[in-house]
Each structure stands twice: as C-alpha cells, then as structure tokens.
Amino acid sequence: MTNLPNYQLPNVPQKATRFTLMGQSAAAGFGLSGAESIASSNSAHWRASVTFHIPHREEAHLAWEAFLAQMQGAIGTVDVPAKLKWRARDARGRPISAQPAILSGLGGDLDTLGLLDHGQFAAPEAVHVRLQSDASLRDGIIHVEYPDALGLRPGQLFSIGGNLHQVRHVIGEGAGVEQVHIRPLLRRDWAAGSALEIARPVCRMRLAADEQGAVDLNFARMQNIDVQFIEAVEGSS
C-alpha cells in the first residue's frame, strides 16, 4: 500500500476515452452435460483506454513527462474523467455544465470561496444527487434523492469519492426517493447526504503497467499515445 498523493492529468488534449468493466463474471467449470457454468463475480473493476494528443511543443512534452515521473509507473493514482456523450440534466431539464462553476469579480463570501488567479472565486459545487440513506461497502443498491436533477437513468455513469459506478436499474419509491441498482458494488461505506457526481464523473486509476505513456523521440507535429489505466480501489497494494 502506498501513500503517494492523487495526481492530475496533464493539460494535453484527449482524443478518445473508453471505460470497460472487467471481471463481472467467472467461469465455474463444465458440468457433466458439457455445459459451461458462469457465475457472478464481486471482483469487477474498471479499465480505461485513453488516447492523448501530445503536440510537438516543449511545454506539452515536459508536462507529459512530469506526469509520468510523478506517477512512478503503476504506483501513483490519478482521477481519469469518464467522458459523457449525453450530459446529465438539472431539475429544469437543462444540461449540467461539465466545467466547475466560476464567479468572476469580488462578490461572494471570502470565508467559503477559494481565491483563484486573476481575482476569481470558485463557486461552491452544486449538489444534484445525494444519498438518501447510509450505504455500506459492497452494496449493489443505493437510495438517492434529487435536490436539483431530473433523475438517474439506466446506463448513466456517476462517481462518488473517486469511485466510478454505472446505473443498472432505477425503481421509484415515492417522495422523491429512488432505489438505484449499480455496478460495480460500492467500494466503501458512505453516509446519508453524500453527493453523487453526475456532471463530471471520474475514476481513480493507476497506469496498467510501468511502460504505459512512453513518448517516441521523433519530430512529428502531433503524437497519439494510447494509455491503459486500471482502477485503483482503496486498500489495494
């Protein structure tokens, strides 16, 4: 188990991102009839394939090499964004921005808003979906409520505390509460009121191998690098 901080992806363009949930089932062997037996597995984990564009510019190459140096091969972790083709919508049906809200100027509460460059202030993150009740490690069903969202839909991705999940089924329970079946199972305990991120879901991941992300020494105007990541579950070593 390492104590390295969680790093940020460098500011280089991403061409494509694909998340795949692996290990959902396990072969239990063949019966006397010759039929193969497949059983459900609780060890499902995310893998991601991300294509980065590295421009032939000094700052871009150094930023990428610095990222790889910080990650120390497959040791460090990074929050990999799950790019969404269809954006989540708020209670009024408007697409929720995938960018953090920013308040320009000098308005706002200086005790609660963080000072940024150029005299800007980061607005408090809006909570669109939250847990209606406590949820426990390995739960596959959660109960949620919607302060400002139309509701979760089957197939939709969300994250909670850097753990990525996908909605399987949604069952209304009345009074604005829904029962949501998810995959994979929860990675840890969560208290009622914990926020679910639906506009900018991420997955905390590691490089799949030490050699991932290596840049060729050439003079092409743009290099495309396919990088494989694997989910970094809390408690793994």
C-alpha atoms as a PDB file:
ATOM      1  CA  MET A   1       0.000   0.000   0.000  1.00  0.00           C
ATOM      2  CA  THR A   2       1.442   3.393  -0.978  1.00  0.00           C
ATOM      3  CA  ASN A   3       0.901   6.852   0.492  1.00  0.00           C
ATOM      4  CA  LEU A   4       1.503   8.820  -2.704  1.00  0.00           C
ATOM      5  CA  PRO A   5      -0.890  11.716  -3.429  1.00  0.00           C
ATOM      6  CA  ASN A   6      -3.512  11.501  -6.140  1.00  0.00           C
ATOM      7  CA  TYR A   7      -2.180  13.356  -9.215  1.00  0.00           C
ATOM      8  CA  GLN A   8      -3.861  15.312 -12.011  1.00  0.00           C
ATOM      9  CA  LEU A   9      -3.785  14.511 -15.706  1.00  0.00           C
ATOM     10  CA  PRO A  10      -1.608  16.968 -17.648  1.00  0.00           C
ATOM     11  CA  ASN A  11      -3.301  19.614 -19.750  1.00  0.00           C
ATOM     12  CA  VAL A  12      -2.959  17.847 -23.108  1.00  0.00           C
ATOM     13  CA  PRO A  13      -5.846  17.035 -25.483  1.00  0.00           C
ATOM     14  CA  GLN A  14      -7.696  13.722 -25.162  1.00  0.00           C
ATOM     15  CA  LYS A  15      -8.932  12.182 -28.392  1.00  0.00           C
ATOM     16  CA  ALA A  16     -10.930   9.259 -27.042  1.00  0.00           C
ATOM     17  CA  THR A  17     -11.749   7.573 -23.738  1.00  0.00           C
ATOM     18  CA  ARG A  18     -13.249   4.125 -23.285  1.00  0.00           C
ATOM     19  CA  PHE A  19     -14.196   2.559 -19.941  1.00  0.00           C
ATOM     20  CA  THR A  20     -14.773  -1.191 -19.660  1.00  0.00           C
ATOM     21  CA  LEU A  21     -15.929  -3.063 -16.555  1.00  0.00           C
ATOM     22  CA  MET A  22     -13.892  -6.258 -16.251  1.00  0.00           C
ATOM     23  CA  GLY A  23     -14.321  -9.302 -14.004  1.00  0.00           C
ATOM     24  CA  GLN A  24     -18.106  -9.232 -13.718  1.00  0.00           C
ATOM     25  CA  SER A  25     -18.371 -12.994 -14.195  1.00  0.00           C
ATOM     26  CA  ALA A  26     -16.242 -16.041 -13.535  1.00  0.00           C
ATOM     27  CA  ALA A  27     -16.247 -19.466 -15.194  1.00  0.00           C
ATOM     28  CA  ALA A  28     -17.150 -22.175 -12.690  1.00  0.00           C
ATOM     29  CA  GLY A  29     -16.194 -25.070 -14.966  1.00  0.00           C
ATOM     30  CA  PHE A  30     -18.146 -27.508 -17.117  1.00  0.00           C
ATOM     31  CA  GLY A  31     -20.907 -29.833 -15.972  1.00  0.00           C
ATOM     32  CA  LEU A  32     -21.410 -33.474 -16.938  1.00  0.00           C
ATOM     33  CA  SER A  33     -23.596 -32.359 -19.836  1.00  0.00           C
ATOM     34  CA  GLY A  34     -20.740 -30.294 -21.223  1.00  0.00           C
ATOM     35  CA  ALA A  35     -22.497 -27.005 -20.487  1.00  0.00           C
ATOM     36  CA  GLU A  36     -20.249 -24.289 -19.111  1.00  0.00           C
ATOM     37  CA  SER A  37     -21.276 -22.732 -15.799  1.00  0.00           C
ATOM     38  CA  ILE A  38     -20.827 -18.951 -15.449  1.00  0.00           C
ATOM     39  CA  ALA A  39     -21.168 -17.347 -12.041  1.00  0.00           C
ATOM     40  CA  SER A  40     -21.450 -13.710 -10.993  1.00  0.00           C
ATOM     41  CA  SER A  41     -18.252 -12.233  -9.550  1.00  0.00           C
ATOM     42  CA  ASN A  42     -17.919  -9.484  -6.957  1.00  0.00           C
ATOM     43  CA  SER A  43     -14.440  -8.542  -8.172  1.00  0.00           C
ATOM     44  CA  ALA A  44     -15.487  -6.307 -11.075  1.00  0.00           C
ATOM     45  CA  HIS A  45     -13.133  -3.399 -11.756  1.00  0.00           C
ATOM     46  CA  TRP A  46     -12.770  -0.658 -14.338  1.00  0.00           C
ATOM     47  CA  ARG A  47     -10.203  -0.476 -17.105  1.00  0.00           C
ATOM     48  CA  ALA A  48      -9.846   2.596 -19.273  1.00  0.00           C
ATOM     49  CA  SER A  49      -8.166   3.241 -22.594  1.00  0.00           C
ATOM     50  CA  VAL A  50      -7.384   6.907 -23.232  1.00  0.00           C
ATOM     51  CA  THR A  51      -5.793   8.404 -26.346  1.00  0.00           C
ATOM     52  CA  PHE A  52      -3.806  11.584 -25.709  1.00  0.00           C
ATOM     53  CA  HIS A  53      -2.573  14.091 -28.304  1.00  0.00           C
ATOM     54  CA  ILE A  54       0.943  15.310 -27.465  1.00  0.00           C
ATOM     55  CA  PRO A  55       1.803  18.407 -29.576  1.00  0.00           C
ATOM     56  CA  HIS A  56       5.423  18.889 -30.672  1.00  0.00           C
ATOM     57  CA  ARG A  57       5.972  21.698 -28.181  1.00  0.00           C
ATOM     58  CA  GLU A  58       8.398  21.835 -25.291  1.00  0.00           C
ATOM     59  CA  GLU A  59       5.804  22.667 -22.622  1.00  0.00           C
ATOM     60  CA  ALA A  60       3.476  19.868 -23.712  1.00  0.00           C
ATOM     61  CA  HIS A  61       6.218  17.225 -23.735  1.00  0.00           C
ATOM     62  CA  LEU A  62       7.599  18.340 -20.375  1.00  0.00           C
ATOM     63  CA  ALA A  63       4.118  18.370 -18.829  1.00  0.00           C
ATOM     64  CA  TRP A  64       3.542  14.796 -20.015  1.00  0.00           C
ATOM     65  CA  GLU A  65       6.962  13.569 -18.873  1.00  0.00           C
ATOM     66  CA  ALA A  66       6.449  15.252 -15.489  1.00  0.00           C
ATOM     67  CA  PHE A  67       3.127  13.447 -15.119  1.00  0.00           C
ATOM     68  CA  LEU A  68       4.773  10.077 -15.830  1.00  0.00           C
ATOM     69  CA  ALA A  69       7.566  10.868 -13.371  1.00  0.00           C
ATOM     70  CA  GLN A  70       5.052  11.687 -10.636  1.00  0.00           C
ATOM     71  CA  MET A  71       3.053   8.530 -11.276  1.00  0.00           C
ATOM     72  CA  GLN A  72       6.171   6.341 -10.815  1.00  0.00           C
ATOM     73  CA  GLY A  73       4.918   3.697 -13.182  1.00  0.00           C
ATOM     74  CA  ALA A  74       1.941   1.788 -11.783  1.00  0.00           C
ATOM     75  CA  ILE A  75       2.327   3.210  -8.245  1.00  0.00           C
ATOM     76  CA  GLY A  76       0.644   6.625  -8.356  1.00  0.00           C
ATOM     77  CA  THR A  77      -3.051   7.309  -8.889  1.00  0.00           C
ATOM     78  CA  VAL A  78      -4.968   9.824 -10.986  1.00  0.00           C
ATOM     79  CA  ASP A  79      -8.646  10.709 -11.448  1.00  0.00           C
ATOM     80  CA  VAL A  80      -9.495   9.774 -15.036  1.00  0.00           C
ATOM     81  CA  PRO A  81     -12.649  11.562 -16.275  1.00  0.00           C
ATOM     82  CA  ALA A  82     -15.371   9.416 -17.802  1.00  0.00           C
ATOM     83  CA  LYS A  83     -16.311  11.448 -20.869  1.00  0.00           C
ATOM     84  CA  LEU A  84     -20.087  11.635 -21.336  1.00  0.00           C
ATOM     85  CA  LYS A  85     -21.763  11.723 -24.742  1.00  0.00           C
ATOM     86  CA  TRP A  86     -25.089  12.786 -23.185  1.00  0.00           C
ATOM     87  CA  ARG A  87     -24.875  15.316 -20.373  1.00  0.00           C
ATOM     88  CA  ALA A  88     -26.863  14.977 -17.149  1.00  0.00           C
ATOM     89  CA  ARG A  89     -29.742  17.450 -16.722  1.00  0.00           C
ATOM     90  CA  ASP A  90     -30.863  19.538 -13.792  1.00  0.00           C
ATOM     91  CA  ALA A  91     -34.405  19.719 -12.409  1.00  0.00           C
ATOM     92  CA  ARG A  92     -35.383  22.199 -15.155  1.00  0.00           C
ATOM     93  CA  GLY A  93     -34.142  19.906 -17.907  1.00  0.00           C
ATOM     94  CA  ARG A  94     -31.037  21.972 -18.682  1.00  0.00           C
ATOM     95  CA  PRO A  95     -27.720  20.196 -19.381  1.00  0.00           C
ATOM     96  CA  ILE A  96     -25.435  20.439 -16.362  1.00  0.00           C
ATOM     97  CA  SER A  97     -22.101  22.031 -17.172  1.00  0.00           C
ATOM     98  CA  ALA A  98     -19.117  19.705 -17.201  1.00  0.00           C
ATOM     99  CA  GLN A  99     -16.917  22.600 -16.006  1.00  0.00           C
ATOM    100  CA  PRO A 100     -16.619  23.763 -12.383  1.00  0.00           C
ATOM    101  CA  ALA A 101     -18.628  26.925 -11.752  1.00  0.00           C
ATOM    102  CA  ILE A 102     -16.648  30.166 -11.544  1.00  0.00           C
ATOM    103  CA  LEU A 103     -17.747  33.512 -10.112  1.00  0.00           C
ATOM    104  CA  SER A 104     -15.888  36.469 -11.626  1.00  0.00           C
ATOM    105  CA  GLY A 105     -15.198  39.681  -9.704  1.00  0.00           C
ATOM    106  CA  LEU A 106     -15.164  40.283  -5.989  1.00  0.00           C
ATOM    107  CA  GLY A 107     -18.619  39.107  -4.940  1.00  0.00           C
ATOM    108  CA  GLY A 108     -19.247  36.176  -2.640  1.00  0.00           C
ATOM    109  CA  ASP A 109     -18.272  35.036   0.839  1.00  0.00           C
ATOM    110  CA  LEU A 110     -14.465  35.179   1.130  1.00  0.00           C
ATOM    111  CA  ASP A 111     -14.501  32.694   4.005  1.00  0.00           C
ATOM    112  CA  THR A 112     -16.120  29.963   1.916  1.00  0.00           C
ATOM    113  CA  LEU A 113     -14.918  30.751  -1.624  1.00  0.00           C
ATOM    114  CA  GLY A 114     -11.339  29.902  -2.576  1.00  0.00           C
ATOM    115  CA  LEU A 115      -9.205  32.629  -4.159  1.00  0.00           C
ATOM    116  CA  LEU A 116      -8.009  31.761  -7.668  1.00  0.00           C
ATOM    117  CA  ASP A 117      -5.744  33.514 -10.149  1.00  0.00           C
ATOM    118  CA  HIS A 118      -6.836  36.818 -11.720  1.00  0.00           C
ATOM    119  CA  GLY A 119      -9.184  37.699  -8.849  1.00  0.00           C
ATOM    120  CA  GLN A 120     -11.715  34.928  -9.495  1.00  0.00           C
ATOM    121  CA  PHE A 121     -13.527  32.811  -6.951  1.00  0.00           C
ATOM    122  CA  ALA A 122     -14.582  29.176  -7.220  1.00  0.00           C
ATOM    123  CA  ALA A 123     -18.304  28.775  -6.602  1.00  0.00           C
ATOM    124  CA  PRO A 124     -19.455  26.063  -4.199  1.00  0.00           C
ATOM    125  CA  GLU A 125     -20.209  22.871  -6.087  1.00  0.00           C
ATOM    126  CA  ALA A 126     -23.931  22.312  -6.600  1.00  0.00           C
ATOM    127  CA  VAL A 127     -25.304  19.003  -5.317  1.00  0.00           C
ATOM    128  CA  HIS A 128     -27.595  17.448  -7.920  1.00  0.00           C
ATOM    129  CA  VAL A 129     -27.914  13.916  -6.480  1.00  0.00           C
ATOM    130  CA  ARG A 130     -27.208  12.660  -2.960  1.00  0.00           C
ATOM    131  CA  LEU A 131     -27.629   9.524  -0.886  1.00  0.00           C
ATOM    132  CA  GLN A 132     -30.958   9.491   0.938  1.00  0.00           C
ATOM    133  CA  SER A 133     -29.716   6.898   3.451  1.00  0.00           C
ATOM    134  CA  ASP A 134     -26.430   5.354   4.573  1.00  0.00           C
ATOM    135  CA  ALA A 135     -24.811   2.887   2.163  1.00  0.00           C
ATOM    136  CA  SER A 136     -22.297   0.181   3.033  1.00  0.00           C
ATOM    137  CA  LEU A 137     -19.263  -1.406   1.466  1.00  0.00           C
ATOM    138  CA  ARG A 138     -20.253  -3.930  -1.265  1.00  0.00           C
ATOM    139  CA  ASP A 139     -23.833  -2.672  -1.534  1.00  0.00           C
ATOM    140  CA  GLY A 140     -25.257  -3.012  -5.033  1.00  0.00           C
ATOM    141  CA  ILE A 141     -28.386  -0.969  -4.273  1.00  0.00           C
ATOM    142  CA  ILE A 142     -28.440   2.624  -3.035  1.00  0.00           C
ATOM    143  CA  HIS A 143     -31.261   5.049  -2.228  1.00  0.00           C
ATOM    144  CA  VAL A 144     -30.940   8.556  -3.640  1.00  0.00           C
ATOM    145  CA  GLU A 145     -32.788  11.857  -3.736  1.00  0.00           C
ATOM    146  CA  TYR A 146     -32.541  14.769  -6.152  1.00  0.00           C
ATOM    147  CA  PRO A 147     -32.012  18.342  -4.870  1.00  0.00           C
ATOM    148  CA  ASP A 148     -31.527  19.509  -8.475  1.00  0.00           C
ATOM    149  CA  ALA A 149     -31.651  16.810 -11.167  1.00  0.00           C
ATOM    150  CA  LEU A 150     -34.226  15.038 -13.318  1.00  0.00           C
ATOM    151  CA  GLY A 151     -33.069  11.664 -12.009  1.00  0.00           C
ATOM    152  CA  LEU A 152     -30.604   8.899 -12.740  1.00  0.00           C
ATOM    153  CA  ARG A 153     -31.213   6.737 -15.802  1.00  0.00           C
ATOM    154  CA  PRO A 154     -30.105   3.157 -16.568  1.00  0.00           C
ATOM    155  CA  GLY A 155     -26.745   3.224 -18.308  1.00  0.00           C
ATOM    156  CA  GLN A 156     -25.737   6.558 -16.761  1.00  0.00           C
ATOM    157  CA  LEU A 157     -22.334   6.902 -15.085  1.00  0.00           C
ATOM    158  CA  PHE A 158     -21.707   8.675 -11.795  1.00  0.00           C
ATOM    159  CA  SER A 159     -18.895   8.825  -9.272  1.00  0.00           C
ATOM    160  CA  ILE A 160     -18.735   9.139  -5.529  1.00  0.00           C
ATOM    161  CA  GLY A 161     -15.430   9.928  -3.854  1.00  0.00           C
ATOM    162  CA  GLY A 162     -13.429   8.994  -6.939  1.00  0.00           C
ATOM    163  CA  ASN A 163     -15.194   5.641  -7.394  1.00  0.00           C
ATOM    164  CA  LEU A 164     -16.984   5.198 -10.728  1.00  0.00           C
ATOM    165  CA  HIS A 165     -20.323   3.384 -10.973  1.00  0.00           C
ATOM    166  CA  GLN A 166     -22.961   2.721 -13.617  1.00  0.00           C
ATOM    167  CA  VAL A 167     -26.724   2.623 -13.119  1.00  0.00           C
ATOM    168  CA  ARG A 168     -28.365  -0.757 -13.872  1.00  0.00           C
ATOM    169  CA  HIS A 169     -31.973  -0.202 -12.770  1.00  0.00           C
ATOM    170  CA  VAL A 170     -33.962   2.599 -11.142  1.00  0.00           C
ATOM    171  CA  ILE A 171     -37.102   1.988  -9.072  1.00  0.00           C
ATOM    172  CA  GLY A 172     -39.177   4.884  -7.714  1.00  0.00           C
ATOM    173  CA  GLU A 173     -40.096   4.690  -4.037  1.00  0.00           C
ATOM    174  CA  GLY A 174     -42.127   7.897  -3.777  1.00  0.00           C
ATOM    175  CA  ALA A 175     -41.483  11.211  -2.031  1.00  0.00           C
ATOM    176  CA  GLY A 176     -38.603  11.959  -4.400  1.00  0.00           C
ATOM    177  CA  VAL A 177     -36.597   8.884  -3.385  1.00  0.00           C
ATOM    178  CA  GLU A 178     -35.395   6.233  -5.845  1.00  0.00           C
ATOM    179  CA  GLN A 179     -33.808   2.832  -5.404  1.00  0.00           C
ATOM    180  CA  VAL A 180     -30.820   2.594  -7.751  1.00  0.00           C
ATOM    181  CA  HIS A 181     -29.124  -0.678  -8.674  1.00  0.00           C
ATOM    182  CA  ILE A 182     -25.482  -0.128  -9.603  1.00  0.00           C
ATOM    183  CA  ARG A 183     -22.350  -1.838 -10.851  1.00  0.00           C
ATOM    184  CA  PRO A 184     -19.719  -2.403  -9.567  1.00  0.00           C
ATOM    185  CA  LEU A 185     -20.537  -2.783  -5.872  1.00  0.00           C
ATOM    186  CA  LEU A 186     -19.726   0.134  -3.549  1.00  0.00           C
ATOM    187  CA  ARG A 187     -16.034   0.378  -2.674  1.00  0.00           C
ATOM    188  CA  ARG A 188     -16.583   1.741   0.868  1.00  0.00           C
ATOM    189  CA  ASP A 189     -19.197   2.961   3.367  1.00  0.00           C
ATOM    190  CA  TRP A 190     -20.985   6.250   2.636  1.00  0.00           C
ATOM    191  CA  ALA A 191     -23.112   8.394   4.930  1.00  0.00           C
ATOM    192  CA  ALA A 192     -26.535   9.742   4.025  1.00  0.00           C
ATOM    193  CA  GLY A 193     -26.200  13.092   2.280  1.00  0.00           C
ATOM    194  CA  SER A 194     -23.024  12.174   0.389  1.00  0.00           C
ATOM    195  CA  ALA A 195     -23.058  13.765  -3.074  1.00  0.00           C
ATOM    196  CA  LEU A 196     -23.004  11.802  -6.315  1.00  0.00           C
ATOM    197  CA  GLU A 197     -21.114  13.445  -9.183  1.00  0.00           C
ATOM    198  CA  ILE A 198     -23.147  13.166 -12.378  1.00  0.00           C
ATOM    199  CA  ALA A 199     -21.758  16.037 -14.483  1.00  0.00           C
ATOM    200  CA  ARG A 200     -18.056  15.204 -14.200  1.00  0.00           C
ATOM    201  CA  PRO A 201     -17.744  11.561 -13.073  1.00  0.00           C
ATOM    202  CA  VAL A 202     -14.207  10.294 -12.557  1.00  0.00           C
ATOM    203  CA  CYS A 203     -12.498   7.028 -11.705  1.00  0.00           C
ATOM    204  CA  ARG A 204      -9.383   6.861  -9.534  1.00  0.00           C
ATOM    205  CA  MET A 205      -6.935   4.770 -11.515  1.00  0.00           C
ATOM    206  CA  ARG A 206      -3.322   3.658 -11.945  1.00  0.00           C
ATOM    207  CA  LEU A 207      -1.296   3.071 -15.072  1.00  0.00           C
ATOM    208  CA  ALA A 208      -1.860  -0.556 -16.103  1.00  0.00           C
ATOM    209  CA  ALA A 209       1.923  -1.102 -16.393  1.00  0.00           C
ATOM    210  CA  ASP A 210       5.140   0.847 -15.879  1.00  0.00           C
ATOM    211  CA  GLU A 211       5.748   1.306 -19.604  1.00  0.00           C
ATOM    212  CA  GLN A 212       2.385   2.953 -20.292  1.00  0.00           C
ATOM    213  CA  GLY A 213       2.553   6.500 -21.677  1.00  0.00           C
ATOM    214  CA  ALA A 214       6.049   6.387 -23.153  1.00  0.00           C
ATOM    215  CA  VAL A 215       6.539   9.047 -25.857  1.00  0.00           C
ATOM    216  CA  ASP A 216       8.545   8.273 -29.003  1.00  0.00           C
ATOM    217  CA  LEU A 217      11.518  10.517 -29.664  1.00  0.00           C
ATOM    218  CA  ASN A 218      10.501  11.927 -33.035  1.00  0.00           C
ATOM    219  CA  PHE A 219       9.611  15.272 -34.576  1.00  0.00           C
ATOM    220  CA  ALA A 220       6.039  14.646 -35.655  1.00  0.00           C
ATOM    221  CA  ARG A 221       3.744  17.652 -35.186  1.00  0.00           C
ATOM    222  CA  MET A 222       1.413  15.539 -33.037  1.00  0.00           C
ATOM    223  CA  GLN A 223       1.850  12.180 -31.355  1.00  0.00           C
ATOM    224  CA  ASN A 224      -1.100   9.999 -30.400  1.00  0.00           C
ATOM    225  CA  ILE A 225      -0.445   7.921 -27.277  1.00  0.00           C
ATOM    226  CA  ASP A 226      -2.819   5.156 -26.196  1.00  0.00           C
ATOM    227  CA  VAL A 227      -2.627   4.731 -22.422  1.00  0.00           C
ATOM    228  CA  GLN A 228      -4.202   1.904 -20.432  1.00  0.00           C
ATOM    229  CA  PHE A 229      -5.415   2.532 -16.871  1.00  0.00           C
ATOM    230  CA  ILE A 230      -6.782   0.178 -14.221  1.00  0.00           C
ATOM    231  CA  GLU A 231      -8.996   1.111 -11.274  1.00  0.00           C
ATOM    232  CA  ALA A 232      -7.174   1.829  -8.018  1.00  0.00           C
ATOM    233  CA  VAL A 233      -9.500   0.544  -5.308  1.00  0.00           C
ATOM    234  CA  GLU A 234      -8.918   1.798  -1.775  1.00  0.00           C
ATOM    235  CA  GLY A 235      -6.934  -0.723   0.215  1.00  0.00           C
ATOM    236  CA  SER A 236      -5.199  -2.256  -2.817  1.00  0.00           C
ATOM    237  CA  SER A 237      -1.432  -2.578  -2.846  1.00  0.00           C
END
